[in-house]
């Protein structure tokens, strides 16, 4: 029971000498190597914290339960107080695992890229205008791709309550760790004619509905503002904007300039860097479906401009 776990933790950590390091990972190693049952307790902590994989290892699914059990360490043994805090839901698990978080992210990403190098699908040259049904089929038939797709779909499954943030993180990991040619064929795939099987395959590969559908849909202007307030999204945005060299901030307040850009199907740079920048949008709020409805007339043109930039892929594919 959780009570007995707390008791064992209390007994173990109060037995550690006072001259103890405040390094949480060092405390963890002491616990695991103590050979007095503490390693079993640590397994329970890891179960309760249930840290997700997919490059997002420091995000506990049950943040409240996880923080509660970590807080017990701080209460039972004062030198553990720097390994728990109450400032936000993710604070304790991030502090507890510390450096291991970033190390694990790098290791998981490196290992995934190594697996992809062994994939038969990664040897295929980029082919334009692939249907999403074909791409889904090829991915499922490829051992490496199927494994990565399964991990991503497990997080974004329509059969469980959608967590948009977690699903977006899974999509980022899926697309950013595969070869660029494969990522392009998947993100640029489409359905040539009405086909229910193809439509479903497209939704699976493109993160619908969980990663991209908000209710009610935000305005495209709000999406841009939210992105600018998020460091990860802002970095992606800064890579993507230079691909639209004709879109300048001067134009934002010039109705005639905006209308000219929108009607002219704005040209963009479709070089390798810009294709990579477009794919890096996937798994960020820039891919959330947005609308220009219900905005005042003065904001319509700028909103339509951003909608085109974020959701039209004709320029890149």
C-alpha atoms as a PDB file:
ATOM      1  CA  UNK A   1       0.000   0.000   0.000  1.00  0.00           C
ATOM      2  CA  UNK A   2       1.025   3.633  -0.365  1.00  0.00           C
ATOM      3  CA  UNK A   3       1.136   3.921   3.453  1.00  0.00           C
ATOM      4  CA  UNK A   4       3.649   1.069   3.767  1.00  0.00           C
ATOM      5  CA  UNK A   5       5.726   2.614   0.962  1.00  0.00           C
ATOM      6  CA  UNK A   6       5.822   5.900   2.895  1.00  0.00           C
ATOM      7  CA  UNK A   7       6.846   4.031   6.076  1.00  0.00           C
ATOM      8  CA  UNK A   8       9.740   2.251   4.341  1.00  0.00           C
ATOM      9  CA  UNK A   9      10.848   5.516   2.780  1.00  0.00           C
ATOM     10  CA  UNK A  10      10.774   7.242   6.150  1.00  0.00           C
ATOM     11  CA  UNK A  11      12.763   4.459   7.844  1.00  0.00           C
ATOM     12  CA  UNK A  12      15.344   4.339   5.078  1.00  0.00           C
ATOM     13  CA  UNK A  13      15.967   8.020   4.549  1.00  0.00           C
ATOM     14  CA  UNK A  14      16.121   8.877   8.253  1.00  0.00           C
ATOM     15  CA  UNK A  15      18.963   6.335   8.505  1.00  0.00           C
ATOM     16  CA  UNK A  16      21.201   8.220   6.015  1.00  0.00           C
ATOM     17  CA  UNK A  17      24.011  10.172   7.695  1.00  0.00           C
ATOM     18  CA  UNK A  18      23.412  13.914   8.124  1.00  0.00           C
ATOM     19  CA  UNK A  19      26.472  14.922   6.099  1.00  0.00           C
ATOM     20  CA  UNK A  20      24.621  14.052   2.908  1.00  0.00           C
ATOM     21  CA  UNK A  21      24.868  15.496  -0.561  1.00  0.00           C
ATOM     22  CA  UNK A  22      21.880  17.429  -1.862  1.00  0.00           C
ATOM     23  CA  UNK A  23      22.312  15.890  -5.318  1.00  0.00           C
ATOM     24  CA  UNK A  24      19.003  14.092  -5.900  1.00  0.00           C
ATOM     25  CA  UNK A  25      20.507  11.621  -8.351  1.00  0.00           C
ATOM     26  CA  UNK A  26      23.192  10.700  -5.815  1.00  0.00           C
ATOM     27  CA  UNK A  27      20.510  10.075  -3.185  1.00  0.00           C
ATOM     28  CA  UNK A  28      18.664   7.937  -5.703  1.00  0.00           C
ATOM     29  CA  UNK A  29      21.818   5.870  -6.399  1.00  0.00           C
ATOM     30  CA  UNK A  30      22.328   5.349  -2.664  1.00  0.00           C
ATOM     31  CA  UNK A  31      18.777   4.101  -2.370  1.00  0.00           C
ATOM     32  CA  UNK A  32      19.075   1.721  -5.337  1.00  0.00           C
ATOM     33  CA  UNK A  33      22.416   0.304  -4.175  1.00  0.00           C
ATOM     34  CA  UNK A  34      21.522  -0.017  -0.478  1.00  0.00           C
ATOM     35  CA  UNK A  35      20.380  -3.681  -0.865  1.00  0.00           C
ATOM     36  CA  UNK A  36      18.012  -3.236   2.068  1.00  0.00           C
ATOM     37  CA  UNK A  37      14.715  -3.078   0.180  1.00  0.00           C
ATOM     38  CA  UNK A  38      14.985   0.583  -0.762  1.00  0.00           C
ATOM     39  CA  UNK A  39      15.444  -0.333  -4.435  1.00  0.00           C
ATOM     40  CA  UNK A  40      11.952  -1.889  -4.346  1.00  0.00           C
ATOM     41  CA  UNK A  41      10.563   1.345  -2.955  1.00  0.00           C
ATOM     42  CA  UNK A  42      12.240   3.284  -5.737  1.00  0.00           C
ATOM     43  CA  UNK A  43      10.540   1.023  -8.274  1.00  0.00           C
ATOM     44  CA  UNK A  44       7.222   2.038  -6.703  1.00  0.00           C
ATOM     45  CA  UNK A  45       8.163   5.712  -7.056  1.00  0.00           C
ATOM     46  CA  UNK A  46       8.942   5.182 -10.727  1.00  0.00           C
ATOM     47  CA  UNK A  47       5.621   3.346 -11.169  1.00  0.00           C
ATOM     48  CA  UNK A  48       3.662   6.112  -9.427  1.00  0.00           C
ATOM     49  CA  UNK A  49       5.452   8.801 -11.440  1.00  0.00           C
ATOM     50  CA  UNK A  50       4.962   6.757 -14.629  1.00  0.00           C
ATOM     51  CA  UNK A  51       7.358   8.896 -16.640  1.00  0.00           C
ATOM     52  CA  UNK A  52       6.468   8.880 -20.353  1.00  0.00           C
ATOM     53  CA  UNK A  53       8.903   7.949 -23.086  1.00  0.00           C
ATOM     54  CA  UNK A  54       8.849   9.598 -26.557  1.00  0.00           C
ATOM     55  CA  UNK A  55      11.541  12.120 -25.651  1.00  0.00           C
ATOM     56  CA  UNK A  56       9.382  13.591 -22.911  1.00  0.00           C
ATOM     57  CA  UNK A  57      10.692  11.473 -20.040  1.00  0.00           C
ATOM     58  CA  UNK A  58      10.287  14.087 -17.317  1.00  0.00           C
ATOM     59  CA  UNK A  59       6.547  14.507 -17.585  1.00  0.00           C
ATOM     60  CA  UNK A  60       4.682  12.289 -15.124  1.00  0.00           C
ATOM     61  CA  UNK A  61       1.210  11.212 -16.267  1.00  0.00           C
ATOM     62  CA  UNK A  62      -0.101  11.476 -12.698  1.00  0.00           C
ATOM     63  CA  UNK A  63       1.722  14.628 -11.603  1.00  0.00           C
ATOM     64  CA  UNK A  64      -0.239  15.001  -8.349  1.00  0.00           C
ATOM     65  CA  UNK A  65       0.336  11.394  -7.178  1.00  0.00           C
ATOM     66  CA  UNK A  66       3.952  11.573  -8.276  1.00  0.00           C
ATOM     67  CA  UNK A  67       4.634  14.823  -6.447  1.00  0.00           C
ATOM     68  CA  UNK A  68       2.906  13.510  -3.345  1.00  0.00           C
ATOM     69  CA  UNK A  69       5.212  10.521  -3.004  1.00  0.00           C
ATOM     70  CA  UNK A  70       8.302  12.627  -3.753  1.00  0.00           C
ATOM     71  CA  UNK A  71       7.167  15.162  -1.135  1.00  0.00           C
ATOM     72  CA  UNK A  72       7.258  12.326   1.405  1.00  0.00           C
ATOM     73  CA  UNK A  73      11.007  12.113   0.828  1.00  0.00           C
ATOM     74  CA  UNK A  74      11.364  15.802   1.603  1.00  0.00           C
ATOM     75  CA  UNK A  75       9.196  15.521   4.726  1.00  0.00           C
ATOM     76  CA  UNK A  76      10.925  12.380   5.981  1.00  0.00           C
ATOM     77  CA  UNK A  77      14.477  13.480   5.259  1.00  0.00           C
ATOM     78  CA  UNK A  78      15.228  17.256   5.227  1.00  0.00           C
ATOM     79  CA  UNK A  79      18.208  17.020   2.870  1.00  0.00           C
ATOM     80  CA  UNK A  80      15.777  15.787   0.250  1.00  0.00           C
ATOM     81  CA  UNK A  81      13.889  19.081   0.384  1.00  0.00           C
ATOM     82  CA  UNK A  82      15.671  20.378  -2.726  1.00  0.00           C
ATOM     83  CA  UNK A  83      14.279  17.411  -4.652  1.00  0.00           C
ATOM     84  CA  UNK A  84      10.668  18.486  -4.215  1.00  0.00           C
ATOM     85  CA  UNK A  85       8.813  21.774  -4.399  1.00  0.00           C
ATOM     86  CA  UNK A  86       5.286  23.042  -4.780  1.00  0.00           C
ATOM     87  CA  UNK A  87       5.651  25.746  -7.420  1.00  0.00           C
ATOM     88  CA  UNK A  88       3.991  23.764 -10.224  1.00  0.00           C
ATOM     89  CA  UNK A  89       2.749  20.315 -11.191  1.00  0.00           C
ATOM     90  CA  UNK A  90       5.965  19.184 -12.872  1.00  0.00           C
ATOM     91  CA  UNK A  91       8.424  20.701 -10.419  1.00  0.00           C
ATOM     92  CA  UNK A  92       9.084  17.686  -8.212  1.00  0.00           C
ATOM     93  CA  UNK A  93       9.716  15.088 -10.890  1.00  0.00           C
ATOM     94  CA  UNK A  94      11.971  17.423 -12.873  1.00  0.00           C
ATOM     95  CA  UNK A  95      13.965  18.368  -9.772  1.00  0.00           C
ATOM     96  CA  UNK A  96      14.182  14.761  -8.637  1.00  0.00           C
ATOM     97  CA  UNK A  97      15.592  13.442 -11.901  1.00  0.00           C
ATOM     98  CA  UNK A  98      17.546  16.605 -12.695  1.00  0.00           C
ATOM     99  CA  UNK A  99      20.282  16.073 -15.281  1.00  0.00           C
ATOM    100  CA  UNK A 100      18.883  12.639 -16.126  1.00  0.00           C
ATOM    101  CA  UNK A 101      15.947  14.345 -17.870  1.00  0.00           C
ATOM    102  CA  UNK A 102      18.050  16.017 -20.551  1.00  0.00           C
ATOM    103  CA  UNK A 103      20.434  13.052 -20.827  1.00  0.00           C
ATOM    104  CA  UNK A 104      17.533  10.667 -21.381  1.00  0.00           C
ATOM    105  CA  UNK A 105      15.999  12.916 -24.044  1.00  0.00           C
ATOM    106  CA  UNK A 106      19.276  12.980 -25.967  1.00  0.00           C
ATOM    107  CA  UNK A 107      19.826   9.223 -25.567  1.00  0.00           C
ATOM    108  CA  UNK A 108      16.291   8.317 -26.644  1.00  0.00           C
ATOM    109  CA  UNK A 109      16.545  10.588 -29.671  1.00  0.00           C
ATOM    110  CA  UNK A 110      19.981   9.237 -30.678  1.00  0.00           C
ATOM    111  CA  UNK A 111      18.833   5.650 -30.275  1.00  0.00           C
ATOM    112  CA  UNK A 112      15.717   6.308 -32.380  1.00  0.00           C
ATOM    113  CA  UNK A 113      17.762   7.888 -35.186  1.00  0.00           C
ATOM    114  CA  UNK A 114      20.081   4.866 -35.114  1.00  0.00           C
ATOM    115  CA  UNK A 115      17.076   2.535 -35.475  1.00  0.00           C
ATOM    116  CA  UNK A 116      15.814   4.603 -38.415  1.00  0.00           C
ATOM    117  CA  UNK A 117      19.162   4.182 -40.183  1.00  0.00           C
ATOM    118  CA  UNK A 118      18.409   0.426 -40.285  1.00  0.00           C
ATOM    119  CA  UNK A 119      14.932   0.951 -41.746  1.00  0.00           C
ATOM    120  CA  UNK A 120      14.221  -0.055 -45.354  1.00  0.00           C
ATOM    121  CA  UNK A 121      11.797   2.894 -45.615  1.00  0.00           C
ATOM    122  CA  UNK A 122      14.606   5.349 -44.859  1.00  0.00           C
ATOM    123  CA  UNK A 123      16.467   4.179 -47.992  1.00  0.00           C
ATOM    124  CA  UNK A 124      13.618   5.277 -50.272  1.00  0.00           C
ATOM    125  CA  UNK A 125      14.084   8.481 -52.243  1.00  0.00           C
ATOM    126  CA  UNK A 126      11.524  11.232 -51.764  1.00  0.00           C
ATOM    127  CA  UNK A 127       8.529  10.862 -54.059  1.00  0.00           C
ATOM    128  CA  UNK A 128       6.002  13.694 -54.325  1.00  0.00           C
ATOM    129  CA  UNK A 129       2.213  13.342 -54.220  1.00  0.00           C
ATOM    130  CA  UNK A 130       2.040  10.144 -52.170  1.00  0.00           C
ATOM    131  CA  UNK A 131      -1.366   9.194 -50.811  1.00  0.00           C
ATOM    132  CA  UNK A 132      -1.648   8.992 -47.037  1.00  0.00           C
ATOM    133  CA  UNK A 133      -3.073   5.473 -47.337  1.00  0.00           C
ATOM    134  CA  UNK A 134       0.070   4.304 -49.150  1.00  0.00           C
ATOM    135  CA  UNK A 135       2.357   6.048 -46.655  1.00  0.00           C
ATOM    136  CA  UNK A 136       0.477   4.570 -43.702  1.00  0.00           C
ATOM    137  CA  UNK A 137       0.701   1.099 -45.259  1.00  0.00           C
ATOM    138  CA  UNK A 138       4.430   1.417 -45.940  1.00  0.00           C
ATOM    139  CA  UNK A 139       5.054   2.633 -42.401  1.00  0.00           C
ATOM    140  CA  UNK A 140       3.095  -0.246 -40.821  1.00  0.00           C
ATOM    141  CA  UNK A 141       4.985  -2.769 -42.960  1.00  0.00           C
ATOM    142  CA  UNK A 142       8.353  -1.311 -41.911  1.00  0.00           C
ATOM    143  CA  UNK A 143       9.442  -2.596 -38.470  1.00  0.00           C
ATOM    144  CA  UNK A 144      11.137   0.623 -37.319  1.00  0.00           C
ATOM    145  CA  UNK A 145       8.453   2.977 -38.624  1.00  0.00           C
ATOM    146  CA  UNK A 146       5.656   0.827 -37.229  1.00  0.00           C
ATOM    147  CA  UNK A 147       7.264   0.795 -33.779  1.00  0.00           C
ATOM    148  CA  UNK A 148       7.606   4.600 -33.734  1.00  0.00           C
ATOM    149  CA  UNK A 149       4.103   5.083 -35.145  1.00  0.00           C
ATOM    150  CA  UNK A 150       2.677   2.796 -32.442  1.00  0.00           C
ATOM    151  CA  UNK A 151       4.380   4.818 -29.678  1.00  0.00           C
ATOM    152  CA  UNK A 152       2.999   8.048 -31.107  1.00  0.00           C
ATOM    153  CA  UNK A 153      -0.532   6.664 -31.608  1.00  0.00           C
ATOM    154  CA  UNK A 154      -0.560   5.260 -28.071  1.00  0.00           C
ATOM    155  CA  UNK A 155      -0.251   8.823 -26.750  1.00  0.00           C
ATOM    156  CA  UNK A 156      -2.650  10.358 -29.290  1.00  0.00           C
ATOM    157  CA  UNK A 157      -5.232   7.558 -29.316  1.00  0.00           C
ATOM    158  CA  UNK A 158      -8.840   8.620 -29.917  1.00  0.00           C
ATOM    159  CA  UNK A 159      -9.929   5.875 -27.514  1.00  0.00           C
ATOM    160  CA  UNK A 160      -8.682   7.752 -24.458  1.00  0.00           C
ATOM    161  CA  UNK A 161      -9.078  11.296 -23.184  1.00  0.00           C
ATOM    162  CA  UNK A 162      -6.987  13.563 -25.390  1.00  0.00           C
ATOM    163  CA  UNK A 163      -4.110  15.481 -23.841  1.00  0.00           C
ATOM    164  CA  UNK A 164      -3.155  17.906 -26.608  1.00  0.00           C
ATOM    165  CA  UNK A 165       0.219  18.829 -25.092  1.00  0.00           C
ATOM    166  CA  UNK A 166       1.330  15.200 -24.719  1.00  0.00           C
ATOM    167  CA  UNK A 167       0.095  14.308 -28.199  1.00  0.00           C
ATOM    168  CA  UNK A 168       1.957  17.256 -29.709  1.00  0.00           C
ATOM    169  CA  UNK A 169       5.157  16.160 -27.928  1.00  0.00           C
ATOM    170  CA  UNK A 170       4.688  12.654 -29.373  1.00  0.00           C
ATOM    171  CA  UNK A 171       4.236  14.042 -32.903  1.00  0.00           C
ATOM    172  CA  UNK A 172       7.340  16.219 -32.557  1.00  0.00           C
ATOM    173  CA  UNK A 173       9.362  13.197 -31.505  1.00  0.00           C
ATOM    174  CA  UNK A 174       7.920  11.043 -34.306  1.00  0.00           C
ATOM    175  CA  UNK A 175       8.690  13.467 -37.150  1.00  0.00           C
ATOM    176  CA  UNK A 176      11.883  15.077 -35.883  1.00  0.00           C
ATOM    177  CA  UNK A 177      13.746  11.803 -35.397  1.00  0.00           C
ATOM    178  CA  UNK A 178      12.938  10.175 -38.746  1.00  0.00           C
ATOM    179  CA  UNK A 179      14.868  10.802 -41.991  1.00  0.00           C
ATOM    180  CA  UNK A 180      13.774  14.063 -43.639  1.00  0.00           C
ATOM    181  CA  UNK A 181      12.654  12.323 -46.873  1.00  0.00           C
ATOM    182  CA  UNK A 182      10.285  10.051 -44.924  1.00  0.00           C
ATOM    183  CA  UNK A 183       8.981  12.993 -42.868  1.00  0.00           C
ATOM    184  CA  UNK A 184       8.274  14.953 -46.048  1.00  0.00           C
ATOM    185  CA  UNK A 185       6.402  12.074 -47.697  1.00  0.00           C
ATOM    186  CA  UNK A 186       4.239  11.664 -44.580  1.00  0.00           C
ATOM    187  CA  UNK A 187       3.529  15.324 -43.828  1.00  0.00           C
ATOM    188  CA  UNK A 188       2.895  16.192 -47.501  1.00  0.00           C
ATOM    189  CA  UNK A 189       0.750  13.125 -48.213  1.00  0.00           C
ATOM    190  CA  UNK A 190      -2.877  13.670 -49.198  1.00  0.00           C
ATOM    191  CA  UNK A 191      -5.961  11.894 -50.512  1.00  0.00           C
ATOM    192  CA  UNK A 192      -6.490  12.431 -54.215  1.00  0.00           C
ATOM    193  CA  UNK A 193     -10.171  11.501 -54.233  1.00  0.00           C
ATOM    194  CA  UNK A 194     -12.823  10.946 -51.545  1.00  0.00           C
ATOM    195  CA  UNK A 195     -11.698   7.750 -49.818  1.00  0.00           C
ATOM    196  CA  UNK A 196     -12.642   6.964 -46.227  1.00  0.00           C
ATOM    197  CA  UNK A 197      -9.630   4.675 -45.658  1.00  0.00           C
ATOM    198  CA  UNK A 198      -7.260   7.340 -46.928  1.00  0.00           C
ATOM    199  CA  UNK A 199      -8.962  10.037 -44.845  1.00  0.00           C
ATOM    200  CA  UNK A 200      -8.491   7.957 -41.676  1.00  0.00           C
ATOM    201  CA  UNK A 201      -4.853   7.255 -42.555  1.00  0.00           C
ATOM    202  CA  UNK A 202      -4.286  10.988 -43.088  1.00  0.00           C
ATOM    203  CA  UNK A 203      -5.821  11.824 -39.711  1.00  0.00           C
ATOM    204  CA  UNK A 204      -3.588   9.266 -37.989  1.00  0.00           C
ATOM    205  CA  UNK A 205      -0.396  10.535 -39.630  1.00  0.00           C
ATOM    206  CA  UNK A 206      -1.291  14.199 -39.166  1.00  0.00           C
ATOM    207  CA  UNK A 207      -2.318  14.092 -35.502  1.00  0.00           C
ATOM    208  CA  UNK A 208      -6.057  14.610 -35.908  1.00  0.00           C
ATOM    209  CA  UNK A 209      -8.012  15.303 -33.906  1.00  0.00           C
ATOM    210  CA  UNK A 210      -6.019  15.299 -30.654  1.00  0.00           C
ATOM    211  CA  UNK A 211      -2.974  17.434 -31.553  1.00  0.00           C
ATOM    212  CA  UNK A 212      -4.671  19.962 -33.810  1.00  0.00           C
ATOM    213  CA  UNK A 213      -8.355  20.342 -32.910  1.00  0.00           C
ATOM    214  CA  UNK A 214      -9.320  22.758 -30.150  1.00  0.00           C
ATOM    215  CA  UNK A 215     -12.931  23.504 -29.209  1.00  0.00           C
ATOM    216  CA  UNK A 216     -13.784  26.228 -29.950  1.00  0.00           C
ATOM    217  CA  UNK A 217     -11.089  26.774 -32.605  1.00  0.00           C
ATOM    218  CA  UNK A 218      -8.843  29.753 -31.796  1.00  0.00           C
ATOM    219  CA  UNK A 219      -8.361  32.614 -34.219  1.00  0.00           C
ATOM    220  CA  UNK A 220      -5.153  32.380 -36.247  1.00  0.00           C
ATOM    221  CA  UNK A 221      -4.031  35.660 -34.667  1.00  0.00           C
ATOM    222  CA  UNK A 222      -4.386  34.091 -31.191  1.00  0.00           C
ATOM    223  CA  UNK A 223      -2.350  31.083 -32.313  1.00  0.00           C
ATOM    224  CA  UNK A 224       0.487  33.401 -33.388  1.00  0.00           C
ATOM    225  CA  UNK A 225       0.337  35.311 -30.074  1.00  0.00           C
ATOM    226  CA  UNK A 226       0.329  32.080 -28.032  1.00  0.00           C
ATOM    227  CA  UNK A 227       3.266  30.773 -30.021  1.00  0.00           C
ATOM    228  CA  UNK A 228       5.284  33.919 -29.344  1.00  0.00           C
ATOM    229  CA  UNK A 229       4.805  33.351 -25.608  1.00  0.00           C
ATOM    230  CA  UNK A 230       6.131  29.769 -25.776  1.00  0.00           C
ATOM    231  CA  UNK A 231       9.912  29.376 -26.096  1.00  0.00           C
ATOM    232  CA  UNK A 232       9.856  26.110 -28.084  1.00  0.00           C
ATOM    233  CA  UNK A 233       7.187  27.383 -30.475  1.00  0.00           C
ATOM    234  CA  UNK A 234       8.910  30.753 -30.864  1.00  0.00           C
ATOM    235  CA  UNK A 235      12.135  29.026 -31.946  1.00  0.00           C
ATOM    236  CA  UNK A 236      10.203  27.030 -34.559  1.00  0.00           C
ATOM    237  CA  UNK A 237       8.436  30.187 -35.744  1.00  0.00           C
ATOM    238  CA  UNK A 238      11.760  32.020 -36.139  1.00  0.00           C
ATOM    239  CA  UNK A 239      12.998  29.255 -38.476  1.00  0.00           C
ATOM    240  CA  UNK A 240       9.782  29.262 -40.478  1.00  0.00           C
ATOM    241  CA  UNK A 241       9.102  32.979 -41.075  1.00  0.00           C
ATOM    242  CA  UNK A 242      12.183  33.696 -43.245  1.00  0.00           C
ATOM    243  CA  UNK A 243      10.780  31.206 -45.771  1.00  0.00           C
ATOM    244  CA  UNK A 244       8.136  33.831 -46.621  1.00  0.00           C
ATOM    245  CA  UNK A 245      10.486  36.577 -47.703  1.00  0.00           C
ATOM    246  CA  UNK A 246       7.670  38.776 -49.132  1.00  0.00           C
ATOM    247  CA  UNK A 247       5.831  38.838 -45.798  1.00  0.00           C
ATOM    248  CA  UNK A 248       7.226  41.690 -43.742  1.00  0.00           C
ATOM    249  CA  UNK A 249       5.991  43.303 -40.541  1.00  0.00           C
ATOM    250  CA  UNK A 250       5.489  46.544 -42.491  1.00  0.00           C
ATOM    251  CA  UNK A 251       2.826  44.708 -44.490  1.00  0.00           C
ATOM    252  CA  UNK A 252       0.867  43.680 -41.361  1.00  0.00           C
ATOM    253  CA  UNK A 253      -0.713  47.150 -41.041  1.00  0.00           C
ATOM    254  CA  UNK A 254      -1.115  47.767 -44.767  1.00  0.00           C
ATOM    255  CA  UNK A 255      -4.446  46.469 -46.057  1.00  0.00           C
ATOM    256  CA  UNK A 256      -3.468  46.824 -49.737  1.00  0.00           C
ATOM    257  CA  UNK A 257      -0.215  44.919 -49.157  1.00  0.00           C
ATOM    258  CA  UNK A 258      -2.038  42.124 -47.321  1.00  0.00           C
ATOM    259  CA  UNK A 259      -4.663  41.797 -50.051  1.00  0.00           C
ATOM    260  CA  UNK A 260      -1.964  41.612 -52.739  1.00  0.00           C
ATOM    261  CA  UNK A 261      -0.150  38.830 -50.874  1.00  0.00           C
ATOM    262  CA  UNK A 262      -3.294  36.794 -50.221  1.00  0.00           C
ATOM    263  CA  UNK A 263      -4.614  37.041 -53.804  1.00  0.00           C
ATOM    264  CA  UNK A 264      -1.206  36.314 -55.293  1.00  0.00           C
ATOM    265  CA  UNK A 265      -0.806  32.933 -53.486  1.00  0.00           C
ATOM    266  CA  UNK A 266       2.311  34.170 -51.696  1.00  0.00           C
ATOM    267  CA  UNK A 267       5.574  32.695 -52.923  1.00  0.00           C
ATOM    268  CA  UNK A 268       7.830  31.033 -50.376  1.00  0.00           C
ATOM    269  CA  UNK A 269      11.250  29.410 -50.386  1.00  0.00           C
ATOM    270  CA  UNK A 270      10.806  25.687 -50.911  1.00  0.00           C
ATOM    271  CA  UNK A 271      14.447  24.805 -50.256  1.00  0.00           C
ATOM    272  CA  UNK A 272      15.514  21.970 -47.927  1.00  0.00           C
ATOM    273  CA  UNK A 273      15.828  24.290 -44.905  1.00  0.00           C
ATOM    274  CA  UNK A 274      12.316  25.635 -45.392  1.00  0.00           C
ATOM    275  CA  UNK A 275      10.830  22.175 -45.831  1.00  0.00           C
ATOM    276  CA  UNK A 276      12.542  21.191 -42.574  1.00  0.00           C
ATOM    277  CA  UNK A 277      11.197  24.364 -40.937  1.00  0.00           C
ATOM    278  CA  UNK A 278       7.668  23.487 -42.088  1.00  0.00           C
ATOM    279  CA  UNK A 279       7.951  19.975 -40.645  1.00  0.00           C
ATOM    280  CA  UNK A 280       9.285  21.398 -37.365  1.00  0.00           C
ATOM    281  CA  UNK A 281       5.897  23.166 -36.991  1.00  0.00           C
ATOM    282  CA  UNK A 282       4.296  19.753 -36.514  1.00  0.00           C
ATOM    283  CA  UNK A 283       3.671  19.079 -32.864  1.00  0.00           C
ATOM    284  CA  UNK A 284       3.483  22.786 -31.983  1.00  0.00           C
ATOM    285  CA  UNK A 285       0.518  25.095 -31.547  1.00  0.00           C
ATOM    286  CA  UNK A 286       1.242  26.491 -35.037  1.00  0.00           C
ATOM    287  CA  UNK A 287      -0.455  23.358 -36.413  1.00  0.00           C
ATOM    288  CA  UNK A 288      -3.647  23.832 -34.374  1.00  0.00           C
ATOM    289  CA  UNK A 289      -6.602  24.384 -36.687  1.00  0.00           C
ATOM    290  CA  UNK A 290      -7.497  28.060 -36.507  1.00  0.00           C
ATOM    291  CA  UNK A 291     -10.200  30.292 -37.907  1.00  0.00           C
ATOM    292  CA  UNK A 292     -10.722  33.875 -39.024  1.00  0.00           C
ATOM    293  CA  UNK A 293     -14.459  33.848 -38.343  1.00  0.00           C
ATOM    294  CA  UNK A 294     -15.939  36.304 -35.858  1.00  0.00           C
ATOM    295  CA  UNK A 295     -12.964  38.653 -36.077  1.00  0.00           C
ATOM    296  CA  UNK A 296     -13.558  42.359 -36.783  1.00  0.00           C
ATOM    297  CA  UNK A 297     -13.098  43.381 -40.444  1.00  0.00           C
ATOM    298  CA  UNK A 298      -9.858  45.241 -39.638  1.00  0.00           C
ATOM    299  CA  UNK A 299      -8.215  41.959 -38.530  1.00  0.00           C
ATOM    300  CA  UNK A 300      -9.518  39.691 -41.280  1.00  0.00           C
ATOM    301  CA  UNK A 301      -6.755  40.213 -43.868  1.00  0.00           C
ATOM    302  CA  UNK A 302      -3.884  39.670 -41.426  1.00  0.00           C
ATOM    303  CA  UNK A 303      -5.642  36.601 -40.042  1.00  0.00           C
ATOM    304  CA  UNK A 304      -6.083  35.141 -43.553  1.00  0.00           C
ATOM    305  CA  UNK A 305      -2.405  35.778 -44.239  1.00  0.00           C
ATOM    306  CA  UNK A 306      -1.363  33.768 -41.161  1.00  0.00           C
ATOM    307  CA  UNK A 307      -3.882  31.018 -41.949  1.00  0.00           C
ATOM    308  CA  UNK A 308      -2.345  30.619 -45.396  1.00  0.00           C
ATOM    309  CA  UNK A 309       1.207  30.572 -44.037  1.00  0.00           C
ATOM    310  CA  UNK A 310       0.395  27.988 -41.351  1.00  0.00           C
ATOM    311  CA  UNK A 311      -1.926  25.633 -43.220  1.00  0.00           C
ATOM    312  CA  UNK A 312      -1.210  25.827 -46.938  1.00  0.00           C
ATOM    313  CA  UNK A 313       1.490  23.326 -47.869  1.00  0.00           C
ATOM    314  CA  UNK A 314       1.321  23.869 -51.657  1.00  0.00           C
ATOM    315  CA  UNK A 315       4.409  26.056 -51.370  1.00  0.00           C
ATOM    316  CA  UNK A 316       6.545  23.309 -49.822  1.00  0.00           C
ATOM    317  CA  UNK A 317       5.262  20.006 -51.186  1.00  0.00           C
END
